[in-house]
């Protein structure tokens, strides 16, 4: 499962200035994490950002948790 969530995030210099996003969207992982920190639930976040799908909030949380553990998450910068 660890590899699966990593495949659902991307970084592309032409999308959101290369910030990490949920693949196939322009929704930055940091935006999702901010929403969760403000107390928004998954359904509320999905309504606010319709390009997201069920499970994307969890992907953002797993990404954030990995960073908090000090893990290095290699991403290929798309162009």
PDB file of N, CA and C in Angstrom:
ATOM      1  N   UNK A   1       0.824  -1.203   0.000  1.00  0.00           N
ATOM      2  CA  UNK A   1       0.000   0.000   0.000  1.00  0.00           C
ATOM      3  C   UNK A   1       0.864   1.261   0.000  1.00  0.00           C
ATOM      4  N   UNK A   2       2.042   1.189   0.632  1.00  0.00           N
ATOM      5  CA  UNK A   2       2.899   2.369   0.711  1.00  0.00           C
ATOM      6  C   UNK A   2       3.240   2.911  -0.676  1.00  0.00           C
ATOM      7  N   UNK A   3       3.533   2.011  -1.597  1.00  0.00           N
ATOM      8  CA  UNK A   3       3.892   2.450  -2.940  1.00  0.00           C
ATOM      9  C   UNK A   3       2.690   3.040  -3.666  1.00  0.00           C
ATOM     10  N   UNK A   4       1.505   2.486  -3.425  1.00  0.00           N
ATOM     11  CA  UNK A   4       0.318   2.965  -4.119  1.00  0.00           C
ATOM     12  C   UNK A   4       0.069   4.448  -3.892  1.00  0.00           C
ATOM     13  N   UNK A   5       0.118   4.918  -2.647  1.00  0.00           N
ATOM     14  CA  UNK A   5      -0.173   6.334  -2.395  1.00  0.00           C
ATOM     15  C   UNK A   5       0.889   7.219  -3.017  1.00  0.00           C
ATOM     16  N   UNK A   6       2.118   6.758  -3.064  1.00  0.00           N
ATOM     17  CA  UNK A   6       3.182   7.565  -3.669  1.00  0.00           C
ATOM     18  C   UNK A   6       2.954   7.742  -5.166  1.00  0.00           C
ATOM     19  N   UNK A   7       2.276   6.799  -5.767  1.00  0.00           N
ATOM     20  CA  UNK A   7       1.969   6.903  -7.199  1.00  0.00           C
ATOM     21  C   UNK A   7       0.814   7.859  -7.459  1.00  0.00           C
ATOM     22  N   UNK A   8       0.125   8.292  -6.408  1.00  0.00           N
ATOM     23  CA  UNK A   8      -1.034   9.171  -6.557  1.00  0.00           C
ATOM     24  C   UNK A   8      -0.699  10.642  -6.333  1.00  0.00           C
ATOM     25  N   UNK A   9       0.584  10.949  -6.139  1.00  0.00           N
ATOM     26  CA  UNK A   9       1.010  12.336  -6.006  1.00  0.00           C
ATOM     27  C   UNK A   9       1.994  12.650  -7.117  1.00  0.00           C
ATOM     28  N   UNK A  10       2.043  13.912  -7.483  1.00  0.00           N
ATOM     29  CA  UNK A  10       2.968  14.294  -8.552  1.00  0.00           C
ATOM     30  C   UNK A  10       3.441  15.726  -8.350  1.00  0.00           C
ATOM     31  N   UNK A  11       4.482  16.027  -9.056  1.00  0.00           N
ATOM     32  CA  UNK A  11       5.033  17.381  -9.065  1.00  0.00           C
ATOM     33  C   UNK A  11       5.368  17.717 -10.508  1.00  0.00           C
ATOM     34  N   UNK A  12       4.819  18.820 -10.975  1.00  0.00           N
ATOM     35  CA  UNK A  12       5.037  19.244 -12.356  1.00  0.00           C
ATOM     36  C   UNK A  12       5.292  20.745 -12.323  1.00  0.00           C
ATOM     37  N   UNK A  13       6.408  21.164 -12.856  1.00  0.00           N
ATOM     38  CA  UNK A  13       6.800  22.571 -12.823  1.00  0.00           C
ATOM     39  C   UNK A  13       5.732  23.467 -13.448  1.00  0.00           C
ATOM     40  N   UNK A  14       4.930  22.927 -14.354  1.00  0.00           N
ATOM     41  CA  UNK A  14       3.886  23.709 -15.022  1.00  0.00           C
ATOM     42  C   UNK A  14       2.558  23.714 -14.279  1.00  0.00           C
ATOM     43  N   UNK A  15       2.470  22.980 -13.197  1.00  0.00           N
ATOM     44  CA  UNK A  15       1.240  22.914 -12.402  1.00  0.00           C
ATOM     45  C   UNK A  15       1.571  23.363 -10.980  1.00  0.00           C
ATOM     46  N   UNK A  16       0.942  24.426 -10.547  1.00  0.00           N
ATOM     47  CA  UNK A  16       1.127  24.958  -9.180  1.00  0.00           C
ATOM     48  C   UNK A  16       2.601  25.174  -8.843  1.00  0.00           C
ATOM     49  N   UNK A  17       3.374  25.625  -9.830  1.00  0.00           N
ATOM     50  CA  UNK A  17       4.797  25.951  -9.647  1.00  0.00           C
ATOM     51  C   UNK A  17       5.609  24.778  -9.109  1.00  0.00           C
ATOM     52  N   UNK A  18       5.195  23.565  -9.438  1.00  0.00           N
ATOM     53  CA  UNK A  18       5.947  22.386  -9.024  1.00  0.00           C
ATOM     54  C   UNK A  18       5.626  21.881  -7.635  1.00  0.00           C
ATOM     55  N   UNK A  19       4.655  22.482  -6.973  1.00  0.00           N
ATOM     56  CA  UNK A  19       4.251  22.002  -5.644  1.00  0.00           C
ATOM     57  C   UNK A  19       3.636  20.615  -5.792  1.00  0.00           C
ATOM     58  N   UNK A  20       3.736  19.806  -4.760  1.00  0.00           N
ATOM     59  CA  UNK A  20       3.200  18.450  -4.794  1.00  0.00           C
ATOM     60  C   UNK A  20       1.677  18.501  -4.794  1.00  0.00           C
ATOM     61  N   UNK A  21       1.083  17.837  -5.783  1.00  0.00           N
ATOM     62  CA  UNK A  21      -0.378  17.804  -5.963  1.00  0.00           C
ATOM     63  C   UNK A  21      -0.859  16.362  -6.034  1.00  0.00           C
ATOM     64  N   UNK A  22      -2.158  16.212  -5.880  1.00  0.00           N
ATOM     65  CA  UNK A  22      -2.764  14.920  -6.169  1.00  0.00           C
ATOM     66  C   UNK A  22      -2.719  14.763  -7.688  1.00  0.00           C
ATOM     67  N   UNK A  23      -2.205  13.637  -8.130  1.00  0.00           N
ATOM     68  CA  UNK A  23      -2.017  13.402  -9.566  1.00  0.00           C
ATOM     69  C   UNK A  23      -3.325  13.605 -10.329  1.00  0.00           C
ATOM     70  N   UNK A  24      -3.236  14.305 -11.435  1.00  0.00           N
ATOM     71  CA  UNK A  24      -4.389  14.551 -12.283  1.00  0.00           C
ATOM     72  C   UNK A  24      -5.246  15.731 -11.840  1.00  0.00           C
ATOM     73  N   UNK A  25      -4.789  16.451 -10.809  1.00  0.00           N
ATOM     74  CA  UNK A  25      -5.522  17.619 -10.324  1.00  0.00           C
ATOM     75  C   UNK A  25      -4.555  18.780 -10.170  1.00  0.00           C
ATOM     76  N   UNK A  26      -5.094  19.906  -9.831  1.00  0.00           N
ATOM     77  CA  UNK A  26      -4.287  21.072  -9.472  1.00  0.00           C
ATOM     78  C   UNK A  26      -4.466  21.376  -7.989  1.00  0.00           C
ATOM     79  N   UNK A  27      -4.791  20.357  -7.218  1.00  0.00           N
ATOM     80  CA  UNK A  27      -5.003  20.523  -5.784  1.00  0.00           C
ATOM     81  C   UNK A  27      -3.721  20.098  -5.060  1.00  0.00           C
ATOM     82  N   UNK A  28      -3.093  21.070  -4.420  1.00  0.00           N
ATOM     83  CA  UNK A  28      -1.847  20.797  -3.718  1.00  0.00           C
ATOM     84  C   UNK A  28      -2.110  19.999  -2.442  1.00  0.00           C
ATOM     85  N   UNK A  29      -1.198  19.094  -2.146  1.00  0.00           N
ATOM     86  CA  UNK A  29      -1.301  18.295  -0.930  1.00  0.00           C
ATOM     87  C   UNK A  29      -1.359  19.208   0.291  1.00  0.00           C
ATOM     88  N   UNK A  30      -0.609  20.296   0.277  1.00  0.00           N
ATOM     89  CA  UNK A  30      -0.602  21.216   1.416  1.00  0.00           C
ATOM     90  C   UNK A  30      -1.983  21.828   1.654  1.00  0.00           C
ATOM     91  N   UNK A  31      -2.741  22.067   0.597  1.00  0.00           N
ATOM     92  CA  UNK A  31      -4.095  22.617   0.731  1.00  0.00           C
ATOM     93  C   UNK A  31      -4.990  21.600   1.438  1.00  0.00           C
ATOM     94  N   UNK A  32      -4.873  20.339   1.048  1.00  0.00           N
ATOM     95  CA  UNK A  32      -5.673  19.294   1.691  1.00  0.00           C
ATOM     96  C   UNK A  32      -5.304  19.185   3.169  1.00  0.00           C
ATOM     97  N   UNK A  33      -4.017  19.209   3.467  1.00  0.00           N
ATOM     98  CA  UNK A  33      -3.580  19.111   4.868  1.00  0.00           C
ATOM     99  C   UNK A  33      -4.067  20.312   5.678  1.00  0.00           C
ATOM    100  N   UNK A  34      -4.057  21.493   5.080  1.00  0.00           N
ATOM    101  CA  UNK A  34      -4.595  22.681   5.755  1.00  0.00           C
ATOM    102  C   UNK A  34      -6.081  22.502   6.056  1.00  0.00           C
ATOM    103  N   UNK A  35      -6.820  21.960   5.108  1.00  0.00           N
ATOM    104  CA  UNK A  35      -8.257  21.733   5.313  1.00  0.00           C
ATOM    105  C   UNK A  35      -8.498  20.768   6.474  1.00  0.00           C
ATOM    106  N   UNK A  36      -7.735  19.695   6.510  1.00  0.00           N
ATOM    107  CA  UNK A  36      -7.870  18.720   7.605  1.00  0.00           C
ATOM    108  C   UNK A  36      -7.524  19.383   8.931  1.00  0.00           C
ATOM    109  N   UNK A  37      -6.472  20.178   8.949  1.00  0.00           N
ATOM    110  CA  UNK A  37      -6.057  20.868  10.182  1.00  0.00           C
ATOM    111  C   UNK A  37      -7.131  21.830  10.673  1.00  0.00           C
ATOM    112  N   UNK A  38      -7.922  22.379   9.741  1.00  0.00           N
ATOM    113  CA  UNK A  38      -9.000  23.292  10.109  1.00  0.00           C
ATOM    114  C   UNK A  38     -10.270  22.551  10.529  1.00  0.00           C
ATOM    115  N   UNK A  39     -10.216  21.213  10.494  1.00  0.00           N
ATOM    116  CA  UNK A  39     -11.348  20.426  10.958  1.00  0.00           C
ATOM    117  C   UNK A  39     -12.310  19.964   9.880  1.00  0.00           C
ATOM    118  N   UNK A  40     -11.966  20.186   8.615  1.00  0.00           N
ATOM    119  CA  UNK A  40     -12.842  19.738   7.536  1.00  0.00           C
ATOM    120  C   UNK A  40     -12.737  18.220   7.383  1.00  0.00           C
ATOM    121  N   UNK A  41     -13.869  17.592   7.135  1.00  0.00           N
ATOM    122  CA  UNK A  41     -13.891  16.161   6.881  1.00  0.00           C
ATOM    123  C   UNK A  41     -13.693  15.881   5.407  1.00  0.00           C
ATOM    124  N   UNK A  42     -13.508  14.610   5.091  1.00  0.00           N
ATOM    125  CA  UNK A  42     -13.250  14.223   3.706  1.00  0.00           C
ATOM    126  C   UNK A  42     -14.379  14.657   2.771  1.00  0.00           C
ATOM    127  N   UNK A  43     -15.621  14.415   3.154  1.00  0.00           N
ATOM    128  CA  UNK A  43     -16.740  14.772   2.281  1.00  0.00           C
ATOM    129  C   UNK A  43     -16.779  16.276   2.006  1.00  0.00           C
ATOM    130  N   UNK A  44     -16.500  17.071   3.022  1.00  0.00           N
ATOM    131  CA  UNK A  44     -16.486  18.528   2.860  1.00  0.00           C
ATOM    132  C   UNK A  44     -15.362  18.961   1.911  1.00  0.00           C
ATOM    133  N   UNK A  45     -14.209  18.336   2.049  1.00  0.00           N
ATOM    134  CA  UNK A  45     -13.073  18.656   1.185  1.00  0.00           C
ATOM    135  C   UNK A  45     -13.388  18.252  -0.261  1.00  0.00           C
ATOM    136  N   UNK A  46     -14.004  17.096  -0.442  1.00  0.00           N
ATOM    137  CA  UNK A  46     -14.360  16.641  -1.786  1.00  0.00           C
ATOM    138  C   UNK A  46     -15.370  17.577  -2.440  1.00  0.00           C
ATOM    139  N   UNK A  47     -16.271  18.129  -1.648  1.00  0.00           N
ATOM    140  CA  UNK A  47     -17.235  19.101  -2.192  1.00  0.00           C
ATOM    141  C   UNK A  47     -16.534  20.391  -2.594  1.00  0.00           C
ATOM    142  N   UNK A  48     -15.595  20.825  -1.780  1.00  0.00           N
ATOM    143  CA  UNK A  48     -14.865  22.071  -2.031  1.00  0.00           C
ATOM    144  C   UNK A  48     -13.939  21.942  -3.241  1.00  0.00           C
ATOM    145  N   UNK A  49     -13.387  20.753  -3.450  1.00  0.00           N
ATOM    146  CA  UNK A  49     -12.441  20.502  -4.545  1.00  0.00           C
ATOM    147  C   UNK A  49     -12.937  19.309  -5.357  1.00  0.00           C
ATOM    148  N   UNK A  50     -13.869  19.542  -6.285  1.00  0.00           N
ATOM    149  CA  UNK A  50     -14.512  18.447  -7.015  1.00  0.00           C
ATOM    150  C   UNK A  50     -13.584  17.602  -7.891  1.00  0.00           C
ATOM    151  N   UNK A  51     -12.383  18.062  -8.162  1.00  0.00           N
ATOM    152  CA  UNK A  51     -11.461  17.243  -8.956  1.00  0.00           C
ATOM    153  C   UNK A  51     -10.849  16.114  -8.124  1.00  0.00           C
ATOM    154  N   UNK A  52     -11.003  16.197  -6.799  1.00  0.00           N
ATOM    155  CA  UNK A  52     -10.507  15.135  -5.929  1.00  0.00           C
ATOM    156  C   UNK A  52     -11.506  13.986  -5.912  1.00  0.00           C
ATOM    157  N   UNK A  53     -10.982  12.804  -5.596  1.00  0.00           N
ATOM    158  CA  UNK A  53     -11.862  11.645  -5.465  1.00  0.00           C
ATOM    159  C   UNK A  53     -11.651  11.020  -4.084  1.00  0.00           C
ATOM    160  N   UNK A  54     -12.576  10.158  -3.731  1.00  0.00           N
ATOM    161  CA  UNK A  54     -12.499   9.493  -2.437  1.00  0.00           C
ATOM    162  C   UNK A  54     -11.138   8.810  -2.299  1.00  0.00           C
ATOM    163  N   UNK A  55     -10.496   9.008  -1.188  1.00  0.00           N
ATOM    164  CA  UNK A  55      -9.180   8.427  -0.940  1.00  0.00           C
ATOM    165  C   UNK A  55      -8.050   9.427  -1.098  1.00  0.00           C
ATOM    166  N   UNK A  56      -8.274  10.513  -1.832  1.00  0.00           N
ATOM    167  CA  UNK A  56      -7.212  11.497  -2.039  1.00  0.00           C
ATOM    168  C   UNK A  56      -6.822  12.209  -0.747  1.00  0.00           C
ATOM    169  N   UNK A  57      -7.778  12.430   0.130  1.00  0.00           N
ATOM    170  CA  UNK A  57      -7.457  13.062   1.418  1.00  0.00           C
ATOM    171  C   UNK A  57      -6.525  12.142   2.204  1.00  0.00           C
ATOM    172  N   UNK A  58      -6.792  10.850   2.169  1.00  0.00           N
ATOM    173  CA  UNK A  58      -5.941   9.891   2.866  1.00  0.00           C
ATOM    174  C   UNK A  58      -4.533   9.871   2.271  1.00  0.00           C
ATOM    175  N   UNK A  59      -4.448   9.995   0.954  1.00  0.00           N
ATOM    176  CA  UNK A  59      -3.139  10.063   0.284  1.00  0.00           C
ATOM    177  C   UNK A  59      -2.345  11.259   0.814  1.00  0.00           C
ATOM    178  N   UNK A  60      -3.004  12.405   0.933  1.00  0.00           N
ATOM    179  CA  UNK A  60      -2.342  13.608   1.455  1.00  0.00           C
ATOM    180  C   UNK A  60      -1.877  13.395   2.892  1.00  0.00           C
ATOM    181  N   UNK A  61      -2.707  12.741   3.694  1.00  0.00           N
ATOM    182  CA  UNK A  61      -2.328  12.472   5.083  1.00  0.00           C
ATOM    183  C   UNK A  61      -1.131  11.528   5.158  1.00  0.00           C
ATOM    184  N   UNK A  62      -1.103  10.509   4.311  1.00  0.00           N
ATOM    185  CA  UNK A  62       0.035   9.586   4.305  1.00  0.00           C
ATOM    186  C   UNK A  62       1.310  10.296   3.871  1.00  0.00           C
ATOM    187  N   UNK A  63       1.194  11.184   2.893  1.00  0.00           N
ATOM    188  CA  UNK A  63       2.348  11.969   2.454  1.00  0.00           C
ATOM    189  C   UNK A  63       2.862  12.833   3.615  1.00  0.00           C
ATOM    190  N   UNK A  64       1.962  13.535   4.286  1.00  0.00           N
ATOM    191  CA  UNK A  64       2.344  14.372   5.418  1.00  0.00           C
ATOM    192  C   UNK A  64       2.966  13.572   6.549  1.00  0.00           C
ATOM    193  N   UNK A  65       2.412  12.399   6.826  1.00  0.00           N
ATOM    194  CA  UNK A  65       2.948  11.546   7.892  1.00  0.00           C
ATOM    195  C   UNK A  65       4.359  11.082   7.553  1.00  0.00           C
ATOM    196  N   UNK A  66       4.582  10.737   6.300  1.00  0.00           N
ATOM    197  CA  UNK A  66       5.927  10.319   5.876  1.00  0.00           C
ATOM    198  C   UNK A  66       6.932  11.441   6.043  1.00  0.00           C
ATOM    199  N   UNK A  67       6.536  12.661   5.672  1.00  0.00           N
ATOM    200  CA  UNK A  67       7.428  13.806   5.842  1.00  0.00           C
ATOM    201  C   UNK A  67       7.714  14.053   7.325  1.00  0.00           C
ATOM    202  N   UNK A  68       6.696  13.898   8.174  1.00  0.00           N
ATOM    203  CA  UNK A  68       6.872  14.122   9.614  1.00  0.00           C
ATOM    204  C   UNK A  68       7.832  13.099  10.216  1.00  0.00           C
ATOM    205  N   UNK A  69       7.889  11.906   9.635  1.00  0.00           N
ATOM    206  CA  UNK A  69       8.834  10.886  10.107  1.00  0.00           C
ATOM    207  C   UNK A  69      10.236  11.138   9.571  1.00  0.00           C
ATOM    208  N   UNK A  70      10.387  12.144   8.737  1.00  0.00           N
ATOM    209  CA  UNK A  70      11.693  12.458   8.186  1.00  0.00           C
ATOM    210  C   UNK A  70      12.064  11.615   6.977  1.00  0.00           C
ATOM    211  N   UNK A  71      11.080  10.948   6.416  1.00  0.00           N
ATOM    212  CA  UNK A  71      11.350  10.133   5.236  1.00  0.00           C
ATOM    213  C   UNK A  71      11.572  11.029   4.023  1.00  0.00           C
ATOM    214  N   UNK A  72      12.426  10.590   3.158  1.00  0.00           N
ATOM    215  CA  UNK A  72      12.649  11.284   1.898  1.00  0.00           C
ATOM    216  C   UNK A  72      11.747  10.616   0.868  1.00  0.00           C
ATOM    217  N   UNK A  73      10.929  11.424   0.211  1.00  0.00           N
ATOM    218  CA  UNK A  73       9.981  10.894  -0.751  1.00  0.00           C
ATOM    219  C   UNK A  73      10.402  11.390  -2.127  1.00  0.00           C
ATOM    220  N   UNK A  74      11.085  10.521  -2.871  1.00  0.00           N
ATOM    221  CA  UNK A  74      11.544  10.954  -4.194  1.00  0.00           C
ATOM    222  C   UNK A  74      10.380  11.079  -5.164  1.00  0.00           C
ATOM    223  N   UNK A  75      10.306  12.213  -5.821  1.00  0.00           N
ATOM    224  CA  UNK A  75       9.308  12.447  -6.858  1.00  0.00           C
ATOM    225  C   UNK A  75      10.039  12.840  -8.120  1.00  0.00           C
ATOM    226  N   UNK A  76       9.577  12.333  -9.225  1.00  0.00           N
ATOM    227  CA  UNK A  76      10.132  12.751 -10.493  1.00  0.00           C
ATOM    228  C   UNK A  76       9.430  14.027 -10.909  1.00  0.00           C
ATOM    229  N   UNK A  77      10.183  15.063 -11.142  1.00  0.00           N
ATOM    230  CA  UNK A  77       9.620  16.344 -11.561  1.00  0.00           C
ATOM    231  C   UNK A  77       9.205  16.219 -13.018  1.00  0.00           C
ATOM    232  N   UNK A  78       7.921  16.348 -13.244  1.00  0.00           N
ATOM    233  CA  UNK A  78       7.400  16.298 -14.604  1.00  0.00           C
ATOM    234  C   UNK A  78       7.520  17.668 -15.237  1.00  0.00           C
ATOM    235  N   UNK A  79       7.610  17.714 -16.532  1.00  0.00           N
ATOM    236  CA  UNK A  79       7.646  19.009 -17.223  1.00  0.00           C
ATOM    237  C   UNK A  79       6.713  19.041 -18.385  1.00  0.00           C
TER     238      UNK A  79
END
